[in-house]
Amino acid sequence: MILVAGVMAATAAIGAEGVALTDAGGKVRVEIGGELFTEYNYKDVARPYLYPIIGPGGVGMTRDWPMKENANDVQDHIHHKGLWYAHGKVNTVDCWSEQKAFGKTLHEKFLEISSGAKQGVIRSLNKWVSADGKPLCSDERTIRFYPHSDVRIIDFEITFIASEGDLTLGDTKEGSMSIRLPTSMSVKAKGKVAEGHIINSKGNRDVDAWGKRAEWVDYYGPVNGKAVAVAMMDHPSNPRHPTYWHVRDYGLFSANPYGIHDFTAKTEQKQPAGAGDLKVAAGKKVTFRYRFLFHTGDEKEGKVAEHYKKYAATKAAK
């Protein structure tokens, strides 16, 4: 494995199925077996994100717009870019949208960029700031990329650091660990072809999966004629596991442990505003871990439940 700290490039001749990372300045290119898997975009953006993500069969697993024009895409929610982490209420600041007076997540530095035969790693330090640049908190994130012949896996670990004083990750549905899927994978879409479906570990399907708690959710549908899917998994070590899911029928797919008031508003378990606030005392930390499994077919063909059991048994990497 080649380990490169800071902003130096990392490349390696690591075999046909290894993972090679290269920092090209503004984005880190991730290749598996010599072919593009994804890119981590971190410069001149509202917040870092992965795009494109190339799944099984060589098809794109995220919506192209607004990074790239695609006539098949619904053009809404400009802040839904690839795969990203954001939240709509960080000490009351909106760090989810990209409208006037929104907060940002600024890349500060890389702590690790490494390539290898079994995995590639990006580890970085980021600062969350308000619209006027006031620091709110920091995060240290580790993203791991794994090579497999039949699936692709991304592990995303984020540690919030209350570096600027007491931190509140507020109760709102607008967040948090997210991916925006191709429009054709959506359950429905205005004026576009959409033939996708949603199912979670509890058996809730399509629109009924929104706001529910579950260990994992699988979102599957066609892309360029190929049946593909994305499963997102909530690690059992996460606060409030199993998490709530802000998973929409139009292709937004988010794990959100904070939005309890919004998610329970129309249920018998209705909670008051602020019930989902997660408070982190000054100088303390809180960590969340997620896995993305890119596979073919539906949740049964993709053996999502089996993959989840393996993921649930993993411990945080040192």
C-alpha atoms as a PDB file:
ATOM      1  CA  MET A   1       0.000   0.000   0.000  1.00  0.00           C
ATOM      2  CA  ILE A   2       1.166   3.531  -0.719  1.00  0.00           C
ATOM      3  CA  LEU A   3       0.393   6.107   1.984  1.00  0.00           C
ATOM      4  CA  VAL A   4       0.489   9.812   1.181  1.00  0.00           C
ATOM      5  CA  ALA A   5      -0.425  12.435   3.766  1.00  0.00           C
ATOM      6  CA  GLY A   6      -1.331  16.031   3.009  1.00  0.00           C
ATOM      7  CA  VAL A   7      -2.189  16.997  -0.541  1.00  0.00           C
ATOM      8  CA  MET A   8       0.388  14.919  -2.379  1.00  0.00           C
ATOM      9  CA  ALA A   9      -0.739  12.558  -5.122  1.00  0.00           C
ATOM     10  CA  ALA A  10      -1.082   8.880  -4.392  1.00  0.00           C
ATOM     11  CA  THR A  11      -0.882   6.335  -7.156  1.00  0.00           C
ATOM     12  CA  ALA A  12       0.118   2.720  -7.246  1.00  0.00           C
ATOM     13  CA  ALA A  13       0.516  -0.272  -9.483  1.00  0.00           C
ATOM     14  CA  ILE A  14      -1.585  -2.573  -7.319  1.00  0.00           C
ATOM     15  CA  GLY A  15      -2.987  -5.285  -9.518  1.00  0.00           C
ATOM     16  CA  ALA A  16      -6.053  -5.757 -11.636  1.00  0.00           C
ATOM     17  CA  GLU A  17      -8.581  -5.306  -8.817  1.00  0.00           C
ATOM     18  CA  GLY A  18      -6.685  -2.934  -6.526  1.00  0.00           C
ATOM     19  CA  VAL A  19      -7.655   0.625  -5.631  1.00  0.00           C
ATOM     20  CA  ALA A  20      -5.533   3.568  -6.805  1.00  0.00           C
ATOM     21  CA  LEU A  21      -6.085   7.145  -5.608  1.00  0.00           C
ATOM     22  CA  THR A  22      -4.667  10.286  -7.202  1.00  0.00           C
ATOM     23  CA  ASP A  23      -5.089  13.823  -5.885  1.00  0.00           C
ATOM     24  CA  ALA A  24      -5.382  15.953  -9.008  1.00  0.00           C
ATOM     25  CA  GLY A  25      -5.947  19.192  -7.101  1.00  0.00           C
ATOM     26  CA  GLY A  26      -9.611  19.886  -6.397  1.00  0.00           C
ATOM     27  CA  LYS A  27     -10.598  16.254  -6.712  1.00  0.00           C
ATOM     28  CA  VAL A  28      -9.217  12.865  -5.752  1.00  0.00           C
ATOM     29  CA  ARG A  29      -9.634  10.277  -8.496  1.00  0.00           C
ATOM     30  CA  VAL A  30     -10.410   6.739  -7.335  1.00  0.00           C
ATOM     31  CA  GLU A  31      -9.739   3.888  -9.759  1.00  0.00           C
ATOM     32  CA  ILE A  32     -10.440   0.186  -9.344  1.00  0.00           C
ATOM     33  CA  GLY A  33      -8.615  -2.144 -11.688  1.00  0.00           C
ATOM     34  CA  GLY A  34      -7.399   0.868 -13.655  1.00  0.00           C
ATOM     35  CA  GLU A  35     -10.918   2.185 -14.329  1.00  0.00           C
ATOM     36  CA  LEU A  36     -12.672   5.174 -12.796  1.00  0.00           C
ATOM     37  CA  PHE A  37     -14.862   4.346  -9.813  1.00  0.00           C
ATOM     38  CA  THR A  38     -15.460   7.807  -8.352  1.00  0.00           C
ATOM     39  CA  GLU A  39     -13.971  11.226  -7.628  1.00  0.00           C
ATOM     40  CA  TYR A  40     -13.943  13.125  -4.340  1.00  0.00           C
ATOM     41  CA  ASN A  41     -14.650  16.766  -5.207  1.00  0.00           C
ATOM     42  CA  TYR A  42     -13.414  19.126  -2.486  1.00  0.00           C
ATOM     43  CA  LYS A  43     -12.406  22.487  -3.986  1.00  0.00           C
ATOM     44  CA  ASP A  44     -14.697  25.486  -4.674  1.00  0.00           C
ATOM     45  CA  VAL A  45     -17.816  23.582  -3.594  1.00  0.00           C
ATOM     46  CA  ALA A  46     -20.432  24.148  -0.891  1.00  0.00           C
ATOM     47  CA  ARG A  47     -19.387  20.838   0.632  1.00  0.00           C
ATOM     48  CA  PRO A  48     -17.285  17.870  -0.543  1.00  0.00           C
ATOM     49  CA  TYR A  49     -19.023  15.135  -2.512  1.00  0.00           C
ATOM     50  CA  LEU A  50     -18.355  11.980  -4.518  1.00  0.00           C
ATOM     51  CA  TYR A  51     -19.280  12.148  -8.205  1.00  0.00           C
ATOM     52  CA  PRO A  52     -19.483  10.294 -10.496  1.00  0.00           C
ATOM     53  CA  ILE A  53     -19.888   6.847  -8.953  1.00  0.00           C
ATOM     54  CA  ILE A  54     -19.603   4.020 -11.469  1.00  0.00           C
ATOM     55  CA  GLY A  55     -21.417   0.888 -10.364  1.00  0.00           C
ATOM     56  CA  PRO A  56     -21.718  -2.694 -11.616  1.00  0.00           C
ATOM     57  CA  GLY A  57     -21.941  -2.909 -15.382  1.00  0.00           C
ATOM     58  CA  GLY A  58     -20.246   0.450 -15.794  1.00  0.00           C
ATOM     59  CA  VAL A  59     -23.358   2.585 -15.195  1.00  0.00           C
ATOM     60  CA  GLY A  60     -23.541   5.814 -13.215  1.00  0.00           C
ATOM     61  CA  MET A  61     -25.112   5.365  -9.788  1.00  0.00           C
ATOM     62  CA  THR A  62     -25.912   9.024  -9.071  1.00  0.00           C
ATOM     63  CA  ARG A  63     -27.896  11.725 -10.816  1.00  0.00           C
ATOM     64  CA  ASP A  64     -25.686  13.707 -13.202  1.00  0.00           C
ATOM     65  CA  TRP A  65     -27.319  17.125 -12.765  1.00  0.00           C
ATOM     66  CA  PRO A  66     -26.184  19.746 -11.789  1.00  0.00           C
ATOM     67  CA  MET A  67     -22.593  18.615 -12.382  1.00  0.00           C
ATOM     68  CA  LYS A  68     -23.417  17.463 -15.913  1.00  0.00           C
ATOM     69  CA  GLU A  69     -26.407  17.891 -18.209  1.00  0.00           C
ATOM     70  CA  ASN A  70     -28.497  14.758 -18.726  1.00  0.00           C
ATOM     71  CA  ALA A  71     -31.816  14.915 -20.560  1.00  0.00           C
ATOM     72  CA  ASN A  72     -33.116  12.024 -18.459  1.00  0.00           C
ATOM     73  CA  ASP A  73     -32.606  13.827 -15.145  1.00  0.00           C
ATOM     74  CA  VAL A  74     -35.150  15.816 -13.182  1.00  0.00           C
ATOM     75  CA  GLN A  75     -33.482  19.130 -12.379  1.00  0.00           C
ATOM     76  CA  ASP A  76     -34.467  19.955  -8.808  1.00  0.00           C
ATOM     77  CA  HIS A  77     -32.704  20.461  -5.462  1.00  0.00           C
ATOM     78  CA  ILE A  78     -29.387  21.796  -6.751  1.00  0.00           C
ATOM     79  CA  HIS A  79     -27.750  20.871  -3.441  1.00  0.00           C
ATOM     80  CA  HIS A  80     -28.245  17.144  -4.108  1.00  0.00           C
ATOM     81  CA  LYS A  81     -24.809  16.376  -5.538  1.00  0.00           C
ATOM     82  CA  GLY A  82     -23.598  12.786  -5.849  1.00  0.00           C
ATOM     83  CA  LEU A  83     -22.870  11.270  -2.442  1.00  0.00           C
ATOM     84  CA  TRP A  84     -22.332  13.671   0.448  1.00  0.00           C
ATOM     85  CA  TYR A  85     -22.896  14.488   4.127  1.00  0.00           C
ATOM     86  CA  ALA A  86     -24.791  17.622   5.124  1.00  0.00           C
ATOM     87  CA  HIS A  87     -27.263  18.763   7.758  1.00  0.00           C
ATOM     88  CA  GLY A  88     -29.995  21.382   7.846  1.00  0.00           C
ATOM     89  CA  LYS A  89     -29.559  22.627  11.404  1.00  0.00           C
ATOM     90  CA  VAL A  90     -26.042  22.959  12.797  1.00  0.00           C
ATOM     91  CA  ASN A  91     -26.356  25.328  15.758  1.00  0.00           C
ATOM     92  CA  THR A  92     -29.440  26.679  13.883  1.00  0.00           C
ATOM     93  CA  VAL A  93     -27.451  27.211  10.638  1.00  0.00           C
ATOM     94  CA  ASP A  94     -28.707  25.546   7.436  1.00  0.00           C
ATOM     95  CA  CYS A  95     -25.778  23.451   6.203  1.00  0.00           C
ATOM     96  CA  TRP A  96     -27.977  21.397   3.869  1.00  0.00           C
ATOM     97  CA  SER A  97     -29.246  23.652   1.102  1.00  0.00           C
ATOM     98  CA  GLU A  98     -27.435  25.982  -1.278  1.00  0.00           C
ATOM     99  CA  GLN A  99     -29.759  28.933  -0.995  1.00  0.00           C
ATOM    100  CA  LYS A 100     -29.048  32.406   0.342  1.00  0.00           C
ATOM    101  CA  ALA A 101     -27.383  32.415   3.763  1.00  0.00           C
ATOM    102  CA  PHE A 102     -26.561  28.708   3.781  1.00  0.00           C
ATOM    103  CA  GLY A 103     -23.642  27.244   5.671  1.00  0.00           C
ATOM    104  CA  LYS A 104     -20.766  25.390   4.062  1.00  0.00           C
ATOM    105  CA  THR A 105     -18.403  22.534   4.789  1.00  0.00           C
ATOM    106  CA  LEU A 106     -14.892  23.599   3.839  1.00  0.00           C
ATOM    107  CA  HIS A 107     -12.119  21.120   3.138  1.00  0.00           C
ATOM    108  CA  GLU A 108      -9.091  22.012   5.281  1.00  0.00           C
ATOM    109  CA  LYS A 109      -6.553  19.281   4.643  1.00  0.00           C
ATOM    110  CA  PHE A 110      -6.020  15.630   3.904  1.00  0.00           C
ATOM    111  CA  LEU A 111      -4.747  13.458   6.718  1.00  0.00           C
ATOM    112  CA  GLU A 112      -4.356  10.432   4.464  1.00  0.00           C
ATOM    113  CA  ILE A 113      -4.689   9.446   0.834  1.00  0.00           C
ATOM    114  CA  SER A 114      -3.704   5.829   0.333  1.00  0.00           C
ATOM    115  CA  SER A 115      -3.938   3.168  -2.349  1.00  0.00           C
ATOM    116  CA  GLY A 116      -3.796  -0.589  -1.974  1.00  0.00           C
ATOM    117  CA  ALA A 117      -4.687  -4.035  -3.213  1.00  0.00           C
ATOM    118  CA  LYS A 118      -7.532  -4.414  -0.703  1.00  0.00           C
ATOM    119  CA  GLN A 119      -8.734  -0.851  -0.159  1.00  0.00           C
ATOM    120  CA  GLY A 120      -8.177   2.817  -0.853  1.00  0.00           C
ATOM    121  CA  VAL A 121      -8.582   5.497   1.818  1.00  0.00           C
ATOM    122  CA  ILE A 122      -9.313   9.217   1.988  1.00  0.00           C
ATOM    123  CA  ARG A 123      -9.104  10.822   5.423  1.00  0.00           C
ATOM    124  CA  SER A 124      -9.652  14.552   5.741  1.00  0.00           C
ATOM    125  CA  LEU A 125     -10.320  17.402   8.162  1.00  0.00           C
ATOM    126  CA  ASN A 126     -13.150  19.814   7.375  1.00  0.00           C
ATOM    127  CA  LYS A 127     -14.590  22.985   8.901  1.00  0.00           C
ATOM    128  CA  TRP A 128     -18.326  23.740   9.031  1.00  0.00           C
ATOM    129  CA  VAL A 129     -19.033  27.469   8.775  1.00  0.00           C
ATOM    130  CA  SER A 130     -22.030  29.813   8.597  1.00  0.00           C
ATOM    131  CA  ALA A 131     -22.831  32.001   5.582  1.00  0.00           C
ATOM    132  CA  ASP A 132     -20.644  34.780   7.007  1.00  0.00           C
ATOM    133  CA  GLY A 133     -17.748  32.395   7.621  1.00  0.00           C
ATOM    134  CA  LYS A 134     -18.208  31.886  11.364  1.00  0.00           C
ATOM    135  CA  PRO A 135     -16.855  28.460  12.380  1.00  0.00           C
ATOM    136  CA  LEU A 136     -19.504  26.105  13.758  1.00  0.00           C
ATOM    137  CA  CYS A 137     -17.651  22.822  14.237  1.00  0.00           C
ATOM    138  CA  SER A 138     -15.190  20.486  12.553  1.00  0.00           C
ATOM    139  CA  ASP A 139     -15.367  16.978  11.186  1.00  0.00           C
ATOM    140  CA  GLU A 140     -12.833  14.282  10.481  1.00  0.00           C
ATOM    141  CA  ARG A 141     -14.050  11.873   7.829  1.00  0.00           C
ATOM    142  CA  THR A 142     -12.649   8.615   6.555  1.00  0.00           C
ATOM    143  CA  ILE A 143     -13.886   7.177   3.270  1.00  0.00           C
ATOM    144  CA  ARG A 144     -12.832   3.672   2.271  1.00  0.00           C
ATOM    145  CA  PHE A 145     -13.200   2.139  -1.174  1.00  0.00           C
ATOM    146  CA  TYR A 146     -13.183  -1.633  -1.643  1.00  0.00           C
ATOM    147  CA  PRO A 147     -12.604  -3.604  -4.866  1.00  0.00           C
ATOM    148  CA  HIS A 148     -14.860  -6.554  -5.610  1.00  0.00           C
ATOM    149  CA  SER A 149     -15.597  -8.289  -8.887  1.00  0.00           C
ATOM    150  CA  ASP A 150     -19.392  -8.173  -8.562  1.00  0.00           C
ATOM    151  CA  VAL A 151     -20.163  -5.202  -6.268  1.00  0.00           C
ATOM    152  CA  ARG A 152     -18.650  -1.889  -5.198  1.00  0.00           C
ATOM    153  CA  ILE A 153     -18.458  -0.786  -1.554  1.00  0.00           C
ATOM    154  CA  ILE A 154     -17.858   2.611   0.040  1.00  0.00           C
ATOM    155  CA  ASP A 155     -17.563   3.015   3.809  1.00  0.00           C
ATOM    156  CA  PHE A 156     -18.125   6.549   5.090  1.00  0.00           C
ATOM    157  CA  GLU A 157     -17.184   7.423   8.680  1.00  0.00           C
ATOM    158  CA  ILE A 158     -17.658  10.947   9.998  1.00  0.00           C
ATOM    159  CA  THR A 159     -16.655  12.273  13.423  1.00  0.00           C
ATOM    160  CA  PHE A 160     -18.130  15.612  14.442  1.00  0.00           C
ATOM    161  CA  ILE A 161     -15.848  17.632  16.714  1.00  0.00           C
ATOM    162  CA  ALA A 162     -17.303  20.397  18.892  1.00  0.00           C
ATOM    163  CA  SER A 163     -14.236  22.502  18.198  1.00  0.00           C
ATOM    164  CA  GLU A 164     -15.946  25.893  18.505  1.00  0.00           C
ATOM    165  CA  GLY A 165     -17.935  25.339  21.702  1.00  0.00           C
ATOM    166  CA  ASP A 166     -21.111  23.408  22.409  1.00  0.00           C
ATOM    167  CA  LEU A 167     -22.579  21.863  19.264  1.00  0.00           C
ATOM    168  CA  THR A 168     -26.196  21.010  18.472  1.00  0.00           C
ATOM    169  CA  LEU A 169     -27.039  18.890  15.451  1.00  0.00           C
ATOM    170  CA  GLY A 170     -30.661  19.931  15.290  1.00  0.00           C
ATOM    171  CA  ASP A 171     -33.961  18.148  14.784  1.00  0.00           C
ATOM    172  CA  THR A 172     -34.809  18.433  11.071  1.00  0.00           C
ATOM    173  CA  LYS A 173     -35.556  16.035   8.255  1.00  0.00           C
ATOM    174  CA  GLU A 174     -33.114  17.949   6.028  1.00  0.00           C
ATOM    175  CA  GLY A 175     -30.075  15.684   6.186  1.00  0.00           C
ATOM    176  CA  SER A 176     -27.779  13.867   6.473  1.00  0.00           C
ATOM    177  CA  MET A 177     -25.736  10.936   5.013  1.00  0.00           C
ATOM    178  CA  SER A 178     -27.005  11.201   1.476  1.00  0.00           C
ATOM    179  CA  ILE A 179     -26.902  10.114  -2.138  1.00  0.00           C
ATOM    180  CA  ARG A 180     -29.053  11.347  -5.039  1.00  0.00           C
ATOM    181  CA  LEU A 181     -29.840   8.531  -7.440  1.00  0.00           C
ATOM    182  CA  PRO A 182     -30.371   8.616 -11.215  1.00  0.00           C
ATOM    183  CA  THR A 183     -33.908   9.698 -12.095  1.00  0.00           C
ATOM    184  CA  SER A 184     -34.614   6.363 -13.804  1.00  0.00           C
ATOM    185  CA  MET A 185     -34.101   4.640 -10.427  1.00  0.00           C
ATOM    186  CA  SER A 186     -36.700   6.849  -8.740  1.00  0.00           C
ATOM    187  CA  VAL A 187     -40.090   5.462  -7.776  1.00  0.00           C
ATOM    188  CA  LYS A 188     -41.666   8.373  -9.654  1.00  0.00           C
ATOM    189  CA  ALA A 189     -40.500  11.532 -11.412  1.00  0.00           C
ATOM    190  CA  LYS A 190     -42.284  14.436 -13.071  1.00  0.00           C
ATOM    191  CA  GLY A 191     -42.184  14.017 -16.840  1.00  0.00           C
ATOM    192  CA  LYS A 192     -39.406  11.417 -16.760  1.00  0.00           C
ATOM    193  CA  VAL A 193     -39.141   7.647 -16.854  1.00  0.00           C
ATOM    194  CA  ALA A 194     -38.869   6.250 -13.322  1.00  0.00           C
ATOM    195  CA  GLU A 195     -39.113   2.537 -12.560  1.00  0.00           C
ATOM    196  CA  GLY A 196     -37.393   2.150  -9.206  1.00  0.00           C
ATOM    197  CA  HIS A 197     -38.395   0.768  -5.830  1.00  0.00           C
ATOM    198  CA  ILE A 198     -37.405   1.153  -2.186  1.00  0.00           C
ATOM    199  CA  ILE A 199     -37.351  -1.494   0.534  1.00  0.00           C
ATOM    200  CA  ASN A 200     -35.926  -1.419   4.053  1.00  0.00           C
ATOM    201  CA  SER A 201     -34.849  -4.087   6.529  1.00  0.00           C
ATOM    202  CA  LYS A 202     -38.284  -3.985   8.196  1.00  0.00           C
ATOM    203  CA  GLY A 203     -40.150  -4.648   4.944  1.00  0.00           C
ATOM    204  CA  ASN A 204     -41.471  -1.117   4.362  1.00  0.00           C
ATOM    205  CA  ARG A 205     -41.648  -0.327   0.651  1.00  0.00           C
ATOM    206  CA  ASP A 206     -41.496   2.764  -1.555  1.00  0.00           C
ATOM    207  CA  VAL A 207     -43.170   5.825   0.051  1.00  0.00           C
ATOM    208  CA  ASP A 208     -43.861   3.850   3.236  1.00  0.00           C
ATOM    209  CA  ALA A 209     -40.111   3.649   3.904  1.00  0.00           C
ATOM    210  CA  TRP A 210     -39.890   7.423   4.502  1.00  0.00           C
ATOM    211  CA  GLY A 211     -39.388   8.382   8.135  1.00  0.00           C
ATOM    212  CA  LYS A 212     -39.135   4.784   9.303  1.00  0.00           C
ATOM    213  CA  ARG A 213     -36.329   3.291  11.378  1.00  0.00           C
ATOM    214  CA  ALA A 214     -34.352   0.452   9.824  1.00  0.00           C
ATOM    215  CA  GLU A 215     -30.895  -1.104   9.787  1.00  0.00           C
ATOM    216  CA  TRP A 216     -30.617  -0.693   6.017  1.00  0.00           C
ATOM    217  CA  VAL A 217     -32.478   0.529   2.959  1.00  0.00           C
ATOM    218  CA  ASP A 218     -32.095  -0.734  -0.606  1.00  0.00           C
ATOM    219  CA  TYR A 219     -33.075   1.507  -3.541  1.00  0.00           C
ATOM    220  CA  TYR A 220     -33.146  -0.326  -6.866  1.00  0.00           C
ATOM    221  CA  GLY A 221     -34.125   0.323 -10.463  1.00  0.00           C
ATOM    222  CA  PRO A 222     -32.898   0.508 -14.066  1.00  0.00           C
ATOM    223  CA  VAL A 223     -30.035   2.642 -15.369  1.00  0.00           C
ATOM    224  CA  ASN A 224     -29.376   2.470 -19.106  1.00  0.00           C
ATOM    225  CA  GLY A 225     -31.295  -0.792 -19.269  1.00  0.00           C
ATOM    226  CA  LYS A 226     -29.390  -2.450 -16.429  1.00  0.00           C
ATOM    227  CA  ALA A 227     -31.004  -3.410 -13.114  1.00  0.00           C
ATOM    228  CA  VAL A 228     -28.831  -1.900 -10.378  1.00  0.00           C
ATOM    229  CA  ALA A 229     -29.210  -0.832  -6.763  1.00  0.00           C
ATOM    230  CA  VAL A 230     -27.710   1.093  -3.876  1.00  0.00           C
ATOM    231  CA  ALA A 231     -28.025  -0.184  -0.321  1.00  0.00           C
ATOM    232  CA  MET A 232     -27.129   2.117   2.567  1.00  0.00           C
ATOM    233  CA  MET A 233     -26.396   0.558   5.953  1.00  0.00           C
ATOM    234  CA  ASP A 234     -26.453   2.093   9.420  1.00  0.00           C
ATOM    235  CA  HIS A 235     -23.747   0.669  11.670  1.00  0.00           C
ATOM    236  CA  PRO A 236     -25.058  -0.622  15.037  1.00  0.00           C
ATOM    237  CA  SER A 237     -22.477   1.504  16.879  1.00  0.00           C
ATOM    238  CA  ASN A 238     -24.144   4.697  15.623  1.00  0.00           C
ATOM    239  CA  PRO A 239     -26.134   6.886  18.017  1.00  0.00           C
ATOM    240  CA  ARG A 240     -29.884   6.178  17.713  1.00  0.00           C
ATOM    241  CA  HIS A 241     -29.415   2.982  15.740  1.00  0.00           C
ATOM    242  CA  PRO A 242     -31.431   1.899  13.837  1.00  0.00           C
ATOM    243  CA  THR A 243     -31.575   5.289  12.186  1.00  0.00           C
ATOM    244  CA  TYR A 244     -34.526   7.096  10.640  1.00  0.00           C
ATOM    245  CA  TRP A 245     -34.529   7.404   6.848  1.00  0.00           C
ATOM    246  CA  HIS A 246     -35.219  10.501   4.768  1.00  0.00           C
ATOM    247  CA  VAL A 247     -35.634   8.400   1.623  1.00  0.00           C
ATOM    248  CA  ARG A 248     -37.823   9.969  -1.050  1.00  0.00           C
ATOM    249  CA  ASP A 249     -39.610   8.471  -4.036  1.00  0.00           C
ATOM    250  CA  TYR A 250     -37.891  10.990  -6.358  1.00  0.00           C
ATOM    251  CA  GLY A 251     -34.377   9.655  -5.732  1.00  0.00           C
ATOM    252  CA  LEU A 252     -33.097  11.391  -2.595  1.00  0.00           C
ATOM    253  CA  PHE A 253     -31.730   8.723  -0.262  1.00  0.00           C
ATOM    254  CA  SER A 254     -30.581   9.802   3.215  1.00  0.00           C
ATOM    255  CA  ALA A 255     -29.922   8.322   6.640  1.00  0.00           C
ATOM    256  CA  ASN A 256     -30.966  10.884   9.251  1.00  0.00           C
ATOM    257  CA  PRO A 257     -30.804  10.168  13.013  1.00  0.00           C
ATOM    258  CA  TYR A 258     -31.816  13.727  13.960  1.00  0.00           C
ATOM    259  CA  GLY A 259     -35.211  14.525  12.402  1.00  0.00           C
ATOM    260  CA  ILE A 260     -37.369  12.763  14.971  1.00  0.00           C
ATOM    261  CA  HIS A 261     -40.026  15.500  15.172  1.00  0.00           C
ATOM    262  CA  ASP A 262     -40.509  15.563  11.392  1.00  0.00           C
ATOM    263  CA  PHE A 263     -40.494  11.791  11.009  1.00  0.00           C
ATOM    264  CA  THR A 264     -43.026  11.150  13.795  1.00  0.00           C
ATOM    265  CA  ALA A 265     -45.295  14.167  13.148  1.00  0.00           C
ATOM    266  CA  LYS A 266     -48.122  12.115  11.618  1.00  0.00           C
ATOM    267  CA  THR A 267     -47.757   9.021  13.779  1.00  0.00           C
ATOM    268  CA  GLU A 268     -48.972   7.892  17.183  1.00  0.00           C
ATOM    269  CA  GLN A 269     -45.393   8.307  18.401  1.00  0.00           C
ATOM    270  CA  LYS A 270     -45.391  12.041  17.622  1.00  0.00           C
ATOM    271  CA  GLN A 271     -42.498  13.846  19.297  1.00  0.00           C
ATOM    272  CA  PRO A 272     -42.174  17.577  20.069  1.00  0.00           C
ATOM    273  CA  ALA A 273     -39.950  19.931  18.091  1.00  0.00           C
ATOM    274  CA  GLY A 274     -36.344  19.527  19.136  1.00  0.00           C
ATOM    275  CA  ALA A 275     -36.772  15.942  20.298  1.00  0.00           C
ATOM    276  CA  GLY A 276     -34.101  14.856  17.850  1.00  0.00           C
ATOM    277  CA  ASP A 277     -31.496  17.450  18.819  1.00  0.00           C
ATOM    278  CA  LEU A 278     -28.139  15.788  19.358  1.00  0.00           C
ATOM    279  CA  LYS A 279     -25.921  17.834  21.644  1.00  0.00           C
ATOM    280  CA  VAL A 280     -22.145  17.544  21.736  1.00  0.00           C
ATOM    281  CA  ALA A 281     -20.356  19.341  24.570  1.00  0.00           C
ATOM    282  CA  ALA A 282     -17.452  21.651  23.759  1.00  0.00           C
ATOM    283  CA  GLY A 283     -14.342  19.650  22.942  1.00  0.00           C
ATOM    284  CA  LYS A 284     -16.207  16.345  22.642  1.00  0.00           C
ATOM    285  CA  LYS A 285     -16.874  14.177  19.578  1.00  0.00           C
ATOM    286  CA  VAL A 286     -19.555  11.957  18.068  1.00  0.00           C
ATOM    287  CA  THR A 287     -19.033   9.421  15.274  1.00  0.00           C
ATOM    288  CA  PHE A 288     -21.331   7.920  12.640  1.00  0.00           C
ATOM    289  CA  ARG A 289     -20.498   5.057  10.282  1.00  0.00           C
ATOM    290  CA  TYR A 290     -22.284   4.028   7.089  1.00  0.00           C
ATOM    291  CA  ARG A 291     -21.740   1.577   4.252  1.00  0.00           C
ATOM    292  CA  PHE A 292     -22.867   1.960   0.635  1.00  0.00           C
ATOM    293  CA  LEU A 293     -23.249  -1.252  -1.353  1.00  0.00           C
ATOM    294  CA  PHE A 294     -23.611  -0.855  -5.127  1.00  0.00           C
ATOM    295  CA  HIS A 295     -25.013  -4.056  -6.596  1.00  0.00           C
ATOM    296  CA  THR A 296     -27.215  -5.547  -9.326  1.00  0.00           C
ATOM    297  CA  GLY A 297     -30.827  -6.655  -9.037  1.00  0.00           C
ATOM    298  CA  ASP A 298     -33.038  -6.136  -5.995  1.00  0.00           C
ATOM    299  CA  GLU A 299     -32.262  -6.610  -2.292  1.00  0.00           C
ATOM    300  CA  LYS A 300     -32.579 -10.394  -2.573  1.00  0.00           C
ATOM    301  CA  GLU A 301     -30.340 -10.773  -5.610  1.00  0.00           C
ATOM    302  CA  GLY A 302     -27.868  -8.376  -4.012  1.00  0.00           C
ATOM    303  CA  LYS A 303     -27.929 -10.339  -0.725  1.00  0.00           C
ATOM    304  CA  VAL A 304     -28.234  -7.071   1.170  1.00  0.00           C
ATOM    305  CA  ALA A 305     -29.227  -8.675   4.478  1.00  0.00           C
ATOM    306  CA  GLU A 306     -26.141 -10.908   4.349  1.00  0.00           C
ATOM    307  CA  HIS A 307     -23.889  -7.983   3.511  1.00  0.00           C
ATOM    308  CA  TYR A 308     -25.384  -6.037   6.405  1.00  0.00           C
ATOM    309  CA  LYS A 309     -24.592  -8.804   8.905  1.00  0.00           C
ATOM    310  CA  LYS A 310     -20.963  -8.717   7.809  1.00  0.00           C
ATOM    311  CA  TYR A 311     -20.851  -4.926   8.065  1.00  0.00           C
ATOM    312  CA  ALA A 312     -22.526  -4.910  11.492  1.00  0.00           C
ATOM    313  CA  ALA A 313     -19.767  -7.186  12.789  1.00  0.00           C
ATOM    314  CA  THR A 314     -16.998  -4.784  11.794  1.00  0.00           C
ATOM    315  CA  LYS A 315     -15.299  -2.466  14.234  1.00  0.00           C
ATOM    316  CA  ALA A 316     -13.923   0.999  13.627  1.00  0.00           C
ATOM    317  CA  ALA A 317     -10.577   0.892  11.829  1.00  0.00           C
ATOM    318  CA  LYS A 318      -7.647   2.298  13.760  1.00  0.00           C
END
